[in-house]
Amino acid sequence: MILEVAVLDVIAGQEAQFEANFRVAREIISSSKGYAGHQLQKCVEQPGRYILLVNWETLEDHTIGFRQSEAYQRWKELLHAFYDPFPLVQHYTAITE
């Protein structure tokens, strides 16, 4: 399992529209191959900051399967104009102890 982590800084005053667009966009990502769930959370201390956590079965399900799909183009149309700066997206894997 891979955890995608993105810190999203939304342009001030556009939070409500971002959240409305995300409600549409979540249907896009949730139908993608390898998608295993997500959370979008809003920061308490910094208005306009969100964290998006997406679980993927494999790294390639995100980096190739989703990002190179037609569905990703719609995702971008819905969400990417809200970010300033553009988010850094990183991937994590669990440590087994």
PDB file of N, CA and C in Angstrom:
ATOM      1  N   MET A   1       0.849  -1.184   0.000  1.00  0.00           N
ATOM      2  CA  MET A   1       0.000   0.000   0.000  1.00  0.00           C
ATOM      3  C   MET A   1       0.888   1.238   0.000  1.00  0.00           C
ATOM      4  N   ILE A   2       0.530   2.211  -0.804  1.00  0.00           N
ATOM      5  CA  ILE A   2       1.248   3.477  -0.921  1.00  0.00           C
ATOM      6  C   ILE A   2       0.332   4.591  -0.433  1.00  0.00           C
ATOM      7  N   LEU A   3       0.895   5.519   0.348  1.00  0.00           N
ATOM      8  CA  LEU A   3       0.158   6.687   0.801  1.00  0.00           C
ATOM      9  C   LEU A   3       0.686   7.909   0.070  1.00  0.00           C
ATOM     10  N   GLU A   4      -0.171   8.534  -0.699  1.00  0.00           N
ATOM     11  CA  GLU A   4       0.142   9.803  -1.357  1.00  0.00           C
ATOM     12  C   GLU A   4      -0.201  10.923  -0.382  1.00  0.00           C
ATOM     13  N   VAL A   5       0.718  11.865  -0.200  1.00  0.00           N
ATOM     14  CA  VAL A   5       0.510  12.989   0.706  1.00  0.00           C
ATOM     15  C   VAL A   5       0.732  14.283  -0.072  1.00  0.00           C
ATOM     16  N   ALA A   6      -0.267  15.146  -0.059  1.00  0.00           N
ATOM     17  CA  ALA A   6      -0.158  16.447  -0.725  1.00  0.00           C
ATOM     18  C   ALA A   6      -0.668  17.531   0.210  1.00  0.00           C
ATOM     19  N   VAL A   7       0.169  18.529   0.461  1.00  0.00           N
ATOM     20  CA  VAL A   7      -0.252  19.699   1.218  1.00  0.00           C
ATOM     21  C   VAL A   7      -0.726  20.718   0.194  1.00  0.00           C
ATOM     22  N   LEU A   8      -1.985  21.121   0.322  1.00  0.00           N
ATOM     23  CA  LEU A   8      -2.629  21.981  -0.668  1.00  0.00           C
ATOM     24  C   LEU A   8      -2.879  23.358  -0.066  1.00  0.00           C
ATOM     25  N   ASP A   9      -2.224  24.370  -0.600  1.00  0.00           N
ATOM     26  CA  ASP A   9      -2.464  25.749  -0.185  1.00  0.00           C
ATOM     27  C   ASP A   9      -3.379  26.392  -1.216  1.00  0.00           C
ATOM     28  N   VAL A  10      -4.606  26.688  -0.774  1.00  0.00           N
ATOM     29  CA  VAL A  10      -5.634  27.238  -1.650  1.00  0.00           C
ATOM     30  C   VAL A  10      -5.624  28.760  -1.544  1.00  0.00           C
ATOM     31  N   ILE A  11      -5.767  29.418  -2.669  1.00  0.00           N
ATOM     32  CA  ILE A  11      -5.779  30.881  -2.732  1.00  0.00           C
ATOM     33  C   ILE A  11      -6.866  31.421  -1.803  1.00  0.00           C
ATOM     34  N   ALA A  12      -6.506  32.414  -1.007  1.00  0.00           N
ATOM     35  CA  ALA A  12      -7.429  33.007  -0.028  1.00  0.00           C
ATOM     36  C   ALA A  12      -8.729  33.438  -0.702  1.00  0.00           C
ATOM     37  N   GLY A  13      -9.831  33.103  -0.055  1.00  0.00           N
ATOM     38  CA  GLY A  13     -11.149  33.458  -0.559  1.00  0.00           C
ATOM     39  C   GLY A  13     -11.745  32.445  -1.509  1.00  0.00           C
ATOM     40  N   GLN A  14     -10.973  31.430  -1.893  1.00  0.00           N
ATOM     41  CA  GLN A  14     -11.469  30.440  -2.847  1.00  0.00           C
ATOM     42  C   GLN A  14     -11.715  29.074  -2.198  1.00  0.00           C
ATOM     43  N   GLU A  15     -11.662  29.034  -0.884  1.00  0.00           N
ATOM     44  CA  GLU A  15     -11.801  27.761  -0.179  1.00  0.00           C
ATOM     45  C   GLU A  15     -13.147  27.085  -0.435  1.00  0.00           C
ATOM     46  N   ALA A  16     -14.239  27.843  -0.385  1.00  0.00           N
ATOM     47  CA  ALA A  16     -15.569  27.240  -0.566  1.00  0.00           C
ATOM     48  C   ALA A  16     -15.709  26.635  -1.963  1.00  0.00           C
ATOM     49  N   GLN A  17     -15.224  27.343  -2.982  1.00  0.00           N
ATOM     50  CA  GLN A  17     -15.315  26.805  -4.342  1.00  0.00           C
ATOM     51  C   GLN A  17     -14.399  25.598  -4.521  1.00  0.00           C
ATOM     52  N   PHE A  18     -13.208  25.640  -3.906  1.00  0.00           N
ATOM     53  CA  PHE A  18     -12.312  24.486  -3.940  1.00  0.00           C
ATOM     54  C   PHE A  18     -13.010  23.260  -3.346  1.00  0.00           C
ATOM     55  N   GLU A  19     -13.627  23.433  -2.185  1.00  0.00           N
ATOM     56  CA  GLU A  19     -14.293  22.308  -1.527  1.00  0.00           C
ATOM     57  C   GLU A  19     -15.448  21.779  -2.383  1.00  0.00           C
ATOM     58  N   ALA A  20     -16.189  22.679  -3.017  1.00  0.00           N
ATOM     59  CA  ALA A  20     -17.281  22.247  -3.907  1.00  0.00           C
ATOM     60  C   ALA A  20     -16.727  21.466  -5.101  1.00  0.00           C
ATOM     61  N   ASN A  21     -15.645  21.966  -5.686  1.00  0.00           N
ATOM     62  CA  ASN A  21     -15.031  21.267  -6.814  1.00  0.00           C
ATOM     63  C   ASN A  21     -14.452  19.927  -6.383  1.00  0.00           C
ATOM     64  N   PHE A  22     -13.909  19.872  -5.170  1.00  0.00           N
ATOM     65  CA  PHE A  22     -13.341  18.608  -4.699  1.00  0.00           C
ATOM     66  C   PHE A  22     -14.434  17.547  -4.554  1.00  0.00           C
ATOM     67  N   ARG A  23     -15.638  17.954  -4.164  1.00  0.00           N
ATOM     68  CA  ARG A  23     -16.727  16.980  -4.045  1.00  0.00           C
ATOM     69  C   ARG A  23     -16.997  16.304  -5.398  1.00  0.00           C
ATOM     70  N   VAL A  24     -16.810  17.025  -6.487  1.00  0.00           N
ATOM     71  CA  VAL A  24     -16.938  16.437  -7.824  1.00  0.00           C
ATOM     72  C   VAL A  24     -15.695  15.602  -8.142  1.00  0.00           C
ATOM     73  N   ALA A  25     -14.516  16.164  -7.859  1.00  0.00           N
ATOM     74  CA  ALA A  25     -13.250  15.507  -8.204  1.00  0.00           C
ATOM     75  C   ALA A  25     -13.051  14.194  -7.461  1.00  0.00           C
ATOM     76  N   ARG A  26     -13.587  14.078  -6.264  1.00  0.00           N
ATOM     77  CA  ARG A  26     -13.382  12.832  -5.508  1.00  0.00           C
ATOM     78  C   ARG A  26     -14.025  11.639  -6.203  1.00  0.00           C
ATOM     79  N   GLU A  27     -15.072  11.886  -6.984  1.00  0.00           N
ATOM     80  CA  GLU A  27     -15.686  10.805  -7.757  1.00  0.00           C
ATOM     81  C   GLU A  27     -14.747  10.333  -8.855  1.00  0.00           C
ATOM     82  N   ILE A  28     -13.945  11.242  -9.383  1.00  0.00           N
ATOM     83  CA  ILE A  28     -12.986  10.902 -10.436  1.00  0.00           C
ATOM     84  C   ILE A  28     -11.900  10.000  -9.879  1.00  0.00           C
ATOM     85  N   ILE A  29     -11.290  10.432  -8.784  1.00  0.00           N
ATOM     86  CA  ILE A  29     -10.169   9.664  -8.234  1.00  0.00           C
ATOM     87  C   ILE A  29     -10.640   8.333  -7.655  1.00  0.00           C
ATOM     88  N   SER A  30     -11.813   8.327  -7.050  1.00  0.00           N
ATOM     89  CA  SER A  30     -12.274   7.093  -6.402  1.00  0.00           C
ATOM     90  C   SER A  30     -12.609   5.988  -7.393  1.00  0.00           C
ATOM     91  N   SER A  31     -12.775   6.331  -8.661  1.00  0.00           N
ATOM     92  CA  SER A  31     -13.050   5.301  -9.664  1.00  0.00           C
ATOM     93  C   SER A  31     -11.779   4.835 -10.378  1.00  0.00           C
ATOM     94  N   SER A  32     -10.624   5.324  -9.938  1.00  0.00           N
ATOM     95  CA  SER A  32      -9.355   4.975 -10.589  1.00  0.00           C
ATOM     96  C   SER A  32      -8.853   3.614 -10.126  1.00  0.00           C
ATOM     97  N   LYS A  33      -8.196   2.907 -11.040  1.00  0.00           N
ATOM     98  CA  LYS A  33      -7.607   1.607 -10.718  1.00  0.00           C
ATOM     99  C   LYS A  33      -6.575   1.782  -9.603  1.00  0.00           C
ATOM    100  N   GLY A  34      -6.637   0.937  -8.605  1.00  0.00           N
ATOM    101  CA  GLY A  34      -5.678   0.957  -7.514  1.00  0.00           C
ATOM    102  C   GLY A  34      -6.011   1.914  -6.385  1.00  0.00           C
ATOM    103  N   TYR A  35      -7.049   2.729  -6.552  1.00  0.00           N
ATOM    104  CA  TYR A  35      -7.480   3.647  -5.492  1.00  0.00           C
ATOM    105  C   TYR A  35      -8.002   2.836  -4.318  1.00  0.00           C
ATOM    106  N   ALA A  36      -7.569   3.215  -3.094  1.00  0.00           N
ATOM    107  CA  ALA A  36      -8.000   2.457  -1.914  1.00  0.00           C
ATOM    108  C   ALA A  36      -8.511   3.365  -0.799  1.00  0.00           C
ATOM    109  N   GLY A  37      -8.864   4.599  -1.116  1.00  0.00           N
ATOM    110  CA  GLY A  37      -9.435   5.503  -0.126  1.00  0.00           C
ATOM    111  C   GLY A  37      -8.671   6.810  -0.035  1.00  0.00           C
ATOM    112  N   HIS A  38      -9.339   7.827   0.518  1.00  0.00           N
ATOM    113  CA  HIS A  38      -8.683   9.123   0.674  1.00  0.00           C
ATOM    114  C   HIS A  38      -9.280   9.888   1.855  1.00  0.00           C
ATOM    115  N   GLN A  39      -8.554  10.925   2.261  1.00  0.00           N
ATOM    116  CA  GLN A  39      -9.029  11.898   3.234  1.00  0.00           C
ATOM    117  C   GLN A  39      -8.596  13.272   2.753  1.00  0.00           C
ATOM    118  N   LEU A  40      -9.482  14.236   2.841  1.00  0.00           N
ATOM    119  CA  LEU A  40      -9.129  15.634   2.648  1.00  0.00           C
ATOM    120  C   LEU A  40      -9.441  16.328   3.950  1.00  0.00           C
ATOM    121  N   GLN A  41      -8.425  16.946   4.546  1.00  0.00           N
ATOM    122  CA  GLN A  41      -8.623  17.617   5.824  1.00  0.00           C
ATOM    123  C   GLN A  41      -8.157  19.052   5.729  1.00  0.00           C
ATOM    124  N   LYS A  42      -8.863  19.936   6.456  1.00  0.00           N
ATOM    125  CA  LYS A  42      -8.556  21.363   6.461  1.00  0.00           C
ATOM    126  C   LYS A  42      -7.753  21.696   7.706  1.00  0.00           C
ATOM    127  N   CYS A  43      -6.719  22.492   7.531  1.00  0.00           N
ATOM    128  CA  CYS A  43      -5.848  22.883   8.635  1.00  0.00           C
ATOM    129  C   CYS A  43      -6.582  23.838   9.583  1.00  0.00           C
ATOM    130  N   VAL A  44      -6.423  23.623  10.869  1.00  0.00           N
ATOM    131  CA  VAL A  44      -7.036  24.473  11.880  1.00  0.00           C
ATOM    132  C   VAL A  44      -6.262  25.788  12.014  1.00  0.00           C
ATOM    133  N   GLU A  45      -4.932  25.709  12.001  1.00  0.00           N
ATOM    134  CA  GLU A  45      -4.099  26.891  12.247  1.00  0.00           C
ATOM    135  C   GLU A  45      -3.928  27.793  11.029  1.00  0.00           C
ATOM    136  N   GLN A  46      -4.005  27.239   9.830  1.00  0.00           N
ATOM    137  CA  GLN A  46      -3.759  28.019   8.616  1.00  0.00           C
ATOM    138  C   GLN A  46      -4.956  27.925   7.683  1.00  0.00           C
ATOM    139  N   PRO A  47      -5.802  28.938   7.683  1.00  0.00           N
ATOM    140  CA  PRO A  47      -6.943  28.908   6.752  1.00  0.00           C
ATOM    141  C   PRO A  47      -6.425  28.786   5.316  1.00  0.00           C
ATOM    142  N   GLY A  48      -7.103  27.984   4.548  1.00  0.00           N
ATOM    143  CA  GLY A  48      -6.692  27.792   3.162  1.00  0.00           C
ATOM    144  C   GLY A  48      -5.726  26.645   2.946  1.00  0.00           C
ATOM    145  N   ARG A  49      -5.236  26.031   4.023  1.00  0.00           N
ATOM    146  CA  ARG A  49      -4.330  24.884   3.867  1.00  0.00           C
ATOM    147  C   ARG A  49      -5.114  23.600   4.119  1.00  0.00           C
ATOM    148  N   TYR A  50      -4.905  22.660   3.221  1.00  0.00           N
ATOM    149  CA  TYR A  50      -5.536  21.339   3.308  1.00  0.00           C
ATOM    150  C   TYR A  50      -4.448  20.289   3.174  1.00  0.00           C
ATOM    151  N   ILE A  51      -4.764  19.089   3.633  1.00  0.00           N
ATOM    152  CA  ILE A  51      -3.888  17.948   3.363  1.00  0.00           C
ATOM    153  C   ILE A  51      -4.754  16.876   2.701  1.00  0.00           C
ATOM    154  N   LEU A  52      -4.225  16.347   1.614  1.00  0.00           N
ATOM    155  CA  LEU A  52      -4.902  15.274   0.900  1.00  0.00           C
ATOM    156  C   LEU A  52      -4.072  14.011   1.069  1.00  0.00           C
ATOM    157  N   LEU A  53      -4.707  12.984   1.587  1.00  0.00           N
ATOM    158  CA  LEU A  53      -4.078  11.677   1.781  1.00  0.00           C
ATOM    159  C   LEU A  53      -4.843  10.678   0.921  1.00  0.00           C
ATOM    160  N   VAL A  54      -4.127  10.006   0.026  1.00  0.00           N
ATOM    161  CA  VAL A  54      -4.766   9.020  -0.855  1.00  0.00           C
ATOM    162  C   VAL A  54      -4.004   7.709  -0.737  1.00  0.00           C
ATOM    163  N   ASN A  55      -4.724   6.647  -0.503  1.00  0.00           N
ATOM    164  CA  ASN A  55      -4.134   5.311  -0.470  1.00  0.00           C
ATOM    165  C   ASN A  55      -4.263   4.677  -1.854  1.00  0.00           C
ATOM    166  N   TRP A  56      -3.138   4.164  -2.334  1.00  0.00           N
ATOM    167  CA  TRP A  56      -3.061   3.481  -3.626  1.00  0.00           C
ATOM    168  C   TRP A  56      -2.499   2.081  -3.408  1.00  0.00           C
ATOM    169  N   GLU A  57      -2.925   1.147  -4.221  1.00  0.00           N
ATOM    170  CA  GLU A  57      -2.381  -0.207  -4.127  1.00  0.00           C
ATOM    171  C   GLU A  57      -0.902  -0.226  -4.493  1.00  0.00           C
ATOM    172  N   THR A  58      -0.521   0.523  -5.554  1.00  0.00           N
ATOM    173  CA  THR A  58       0.884   0.608  -5.966  1.00  0.00           C
ATOM    174  C   THR A  58       1.212   2.055  -6.324  1.00  0.00           C
ATOM    175  N   LEU A  59       2.488   2.390  -6.327  1.00  0.00           N
ATOM    176  CA  LEU A  59       2.926   3.713  -6.744  1.00  0.00           C
ATOM    177  C   LEU A  59       2.496   3.994  -8.178  1.00  0.00           C
ATOM    178  N   GLU A  60       2.624   3.001  -9.040  1.00  0.00           N
ATOM    179  CA  GLU A  60       2.288   3.159 -10.452  1.00  0.00           C
ATOM    180  C   GLU A  60       0.798   3.408 -10.678  1.00  0.00           C
ATOM    181  N   ASP A  61      -0.049   2.905  -9.777  1.00  0.00           N
ATOM    182  CA  ASP A  61      -1.480   3.199  -9.900  1.00  0.00           C
ATOM    183  C   ASP A  61      -1.720   4.707  -9.853  1.00  0.00           C
ATOM    184  N   HIS A  62      -0.918   5.419  -9.073  1.00  0.00           N
ATOM    185  CA  HIS A  62      -1.043   6.871  -9.014  1.00  0.00           C
ATOM    186  C   HIS A  62      -0.261   7.561 -10.118  1.00  0.00           C
ATOM    187  N   THR A  63       1.044   7.267 -10.190  1.00  0.00           N
ATOM    188  CA  THR A  63       1.938   8.032 -11.066  1.00  0.00           C
ATOM    189  C   THR A  63       1.715   7.764 -12.554  1.00  0.00           C
ATOM    190  N   ILE A  64       1.277   6.561 -12.878  1.00  0.00           N
ATOM    191  CA  ILE A  64       1.050   6.221 -14.284  1.00  0.00           C
ATOM    192  C   ILE A  64      -0.453   6.073 -14.548  1.00  0.00           C
ATOM    193  N   GLY A  65      -1.086   5.171 -13.828  1.00  0.00           N
ATOM    194  CA  GLY A  65      -2.497   4.875 -14.077  1.00  0.00           C
ATOM    195  C   GLY A  65      -3.405   6.086 -13.947  1.00  0.00           C
ATOM    196  N   PHE A  66      -3.267   6.852 -12.871  1.00  0.00           N
ATOM    197  CA  PHE A  66      -4.126   8.011 -12.675  1.00  0.00           C
ATOM    198  C   PHE A  66      -3.590   9.240 -13.403  1.00  0.00           C
ATOM    199  N   ARG A  67      -2.353   9.576 -13.164  1.00  0.00           N
ATOM    200  CA  ARG A  67      -1.812  10.820 -13.723  1.00  0.00           C
ATOM    201  C   ARG A  67      -1.703  10.838 -15.247  1.00  0.00           C
ATOM    202  N   GLN A  68      -1.681   9.684 -15.872  1.00  0.00           N
ATOM    203  CA  GLN A  68      -1.613   9.645 -17.330  1.00  0.00           C
ATOM    204  C   GLN A  68      -2.966   9.327 -17.973  1.00  0.00           C
ATOM    205  N   SER A  69      -4.021   9.434 -17.176  1.00  0.00           N
ATOM    206  CA  SER A  69      -5.361   9.104 -17.674  1.00  0.00           C
ATOM    207  C   SER A  69      -6.116  10.351 -18.123  1.00  0.00           C
ATOM    208  N   GLU A  70      -7.165  10.132 -18.895  1.00  0.00           N
ATOM    209  CA  GLU A  70      -8.064  11.225 -19.282  1.00  0.00           C
ATOM    210  C   GLU A  70      -8.771  11.780 -18.049  1.00  0.00           C
ATOM    211  N   ALA A  71      -9.068  10.915 -17.095  1.00  0.00           N
ATOM    212  CA  ALA A  71      -9.737  11.355 -15.871  1.00  0.00           C
ATOM    213  C   ALA A  71      -8.894  12.396 -15.129  1.00  0.00           C
ATOM    214  N   TYR A  72      -7.575  12.237 -15.172  1.00  0.00           N
ATOM    215  CA  TYR A  72      -6.690  13.202 -14.503  1.00  0.00           C
ATOM    216  C   TYR A  72      -6.800  14.586 -15.141  1.00  0.00           C
ATOM    217  N   GLN A  73      -7.048  14.649 -16.426  1.00  0.00           N
ATOM    218  CA  GLN A  73      -7.217  15.954 -17.082  1.00  0.00           C
ATOM    219  C   GLN A  73      -8.419  16.687 -16.491  1.00  0.00           C
ATOM    220  N   ARG A  74      -9.482  15.968 -16.242  1.00  0.00           N
ATOM    221  CA  ARG A  74     -10.680  16.567 -15.610  1.00  0.00           C
ATOM    222  C   ARG A  74     -10.360  16.973 -14.170  1.00  0.00           C
ATOM    223  N   TRP A  75      -9.625  16.134 -13.441  1.00  0.00           N
ATOM    224  CA  TRP A  75      -9.187  16.439 -12.069  1.00  0.00           C
ATOM    225  C   TRP A  75      -8.433  17.769 -12.065  1.00  0.00           C
ATOM    226  N   LYS A  76      -7.489  17.915 -12.980  1.00  0.00           N
ATOM    227  CA  LYS A  76      -6.701  19.143 -13.088  1.00  0.00           C
ATOM    228  C   LYS A  76      -7.595  20.355 -13.362  1.00  0.00           C
ATOM    229  N   GLU A  77      -8.535  20.210 -14.276  1.00  0.00           N
ATOM    230  CA  GLU A  77      -9.448  21.308 -14.601  1.00  0.00           C
ATOM    231  C   GLU A  77     -10.233  21.760 -13.376  1.00  0.00           C
ATOM    232  N   LEU A  78     -10.636  20.811 -12.561  1.00  0.00           N
ATOM    233  CA  LEU A  78     -11.440  21.118 -11.378  1.00  0.00           C
ATOM    234  C   LEU A  78     -10.629  21.746 -10.245  1.00  0.00           C
ATOM    235  N   LEU A  79      -9.347  21.360 -10.096  1.00  0.00           N
ATOM    236  CA  LEU A  79      -8.641  21.696  -8.863  1.00  0.00           C
ATOM    237  C   LEU A  79      -7.371  22.529  -9.001  1.00  0.00           C
ATOM    238  N   HIS A  80      -6.616  22.362 -10.049  1.00  0.00           N
ATOM    239  CA  HIS A  80      -5.270  22.928 -10.077  1.00  0.00           C
ATOM    240  C   HIS A  80      -5.219  24.455 -10.056  1.00  0.00           C
ATOM    241  N   ALA A  81      -6.241  25.134 -10.508  1.00  0.00           N
ATOM    242  CA  ALA A  81      -6.225  26.608 -10.507  1.00  0.00           C
ATOM    243  C   ALA A  81      -6.318  27.200  -9.099  1.00  0.00           C
ATOM    244  N   PHE A  82      -6.670  26.395  -8.113  1.00  0.00           N
ATOM    245  CA  PHE A  82      -6.839  26.888  -6.744  1.00  0.00           C
ATOM    246  C   PHE A  82      -5.527  26.963  -5.958  1.00  0.00           C
ATOM    247  N   TYR A  83      -4.467  26.319  -6.422  1.00  0.00           N
ATOM    248  CA  TYR A  83      -3.254  26.156  -5.618  1.00  0.00           C
ATOM    249  C   TYR A  83      -2.247  27.286  -5.826  1.00  0.00           C
ATOM    250  N   ASP A  84      -1.723  27.779  -4.714  1.00  0.00           N
ATOM    251  CA  ASP A  84      -0.617  28.737  -4.760  1.00  0.00           C
ATOM    252  C   ASP A  84       0.171  28.625  -3.457  1.00  0.00           C
ATOM    253  N   PRO A  85       1.349  28.008  -3.516  1.00  0.00           N
ATOM    254  CA  PRO A  85       2.036  27.455  -4.679  1.00  0.00           C
ATOM    255  C   PRO A  85       1.477  26.089  -5.054  1.00  0.00           C
ATOM    256  N   PHE A  86       1.951  25.574  -6.192  1.00  0.00           N
ATOM    257  CA  PHE A  86       1.531  24.238  -6.603  1.00  0.00           C
ATOM    258  C   PHE A  86       2.070  23.237  -5.592  1.00  0.00           C
ATOM    259  N   PRO A  87       1.258  22.264  -5.175  1.00  0.00           N
ATOM    260  CA  PRO A  87       1.660  21.362  -4.093  1.00  0.00           C
ATOM    261  C   PRO A  87       2.762  20.372  -4.469  1.00  0.00           C
ATOM    262  N   LEU A  88       3.569  20.090  -3.479  1.00  0.00           N
ATOM    263  CA  LEU A  88       4.522  18.995  -3.559  1.00  0.00           C
ATOM    264  C   LEU A  88       3.768  17.733  -3.174  1.00  0.00           C
ATOM    265  N   VAL A  89       3.873  16.718  -3.985  1.00  0.00           N
ATOM    266  CA  VAL A  89       3.209  15.441  -3.728  1.00  0.00           C
ATOM    267  C   VAL A  89       4.297  14.408  -3.465  1.00  0.00           C
ATOM    268  N   GLN A  90       4.158  13.706  -2.349  1.00  0.00           N
ATOM    269  CA  GLN A  90       5.126  12.664  -2.005  1.00  0.00           C
ATOM    270  C   GLN A  90       4.385  11.376  -1.682  1.00  0.00           C
ATOM    271  N   HIS A  91       5.124  10.272  -1.761  1.00  0.00           N
ATOM    272  CA  HIS A  91       4.557   8.953  -1.545  1.00  0.00           C
ATOM    273  C   HIS A  91       5.264   8.266  -0.394  1.00  0.00           C
ATOM    274  N   TYR A  92       4.510   7.552   0.420  1.00  0.00           N
ATOM    275  CA  TYR A  92       5.051   6.900   1.612  1.00  0.00           C
ATOM    276  C   TYR A  92       4.611   5.451   1.650  1.00  0.00           C
ATOM    277  N   THR A  93       5.420   4.654   2.299  1.00  0.00           N
ATOM    278  CA  THR A  93       5.075   3.253   2.525  1.00  0.00           C
ATOM    279  C   THR A  93       5.260   2.964   4.016  1.00  0.00           C
ATOM    280  N   ALA A  94       4.461   2.077   4.537  1.00  0.00           N
ATOM    281  CA  ALA A  94       4.491   1.759   5.965  1.00  0.00           C
ATOM    282  C   ALA A  94       5.763   1.004   6.338  1.00  0.00           C
ATOM    283  N   ILE A  95       6.239   1.274   7.523  1.00  0.00           N
ATOM    284  CA  ILE A  95       7.385   0.561   8.078  1.00  0.00           C
ATOM    285  C   ILE A  95       6.835  -0.590   8.926  1.00  0.00           C
ATOM    286  N   THR A  96       7.310  -1.767   8.650  1.00  0.00           N
ATOM    287  CA  THR A  96       6.902  -2.927   9.425  1.00  0.00           C
ATOM    288  C   THR A  96       7.911  -3.137  10.550  1.00  0.00           C
ATOM    289  N   GLU A  97       7.402  -3.219  11.762  1.00  0.00           N
ATOM    290  CA  GLU A  97       8.312  -3.393  12.905  1.00  0.00           C
ATOM    291  C   GLU A  97       8.300  -4.823  13.389  1.00  0.00           C
TER     292      GLU A  97
END
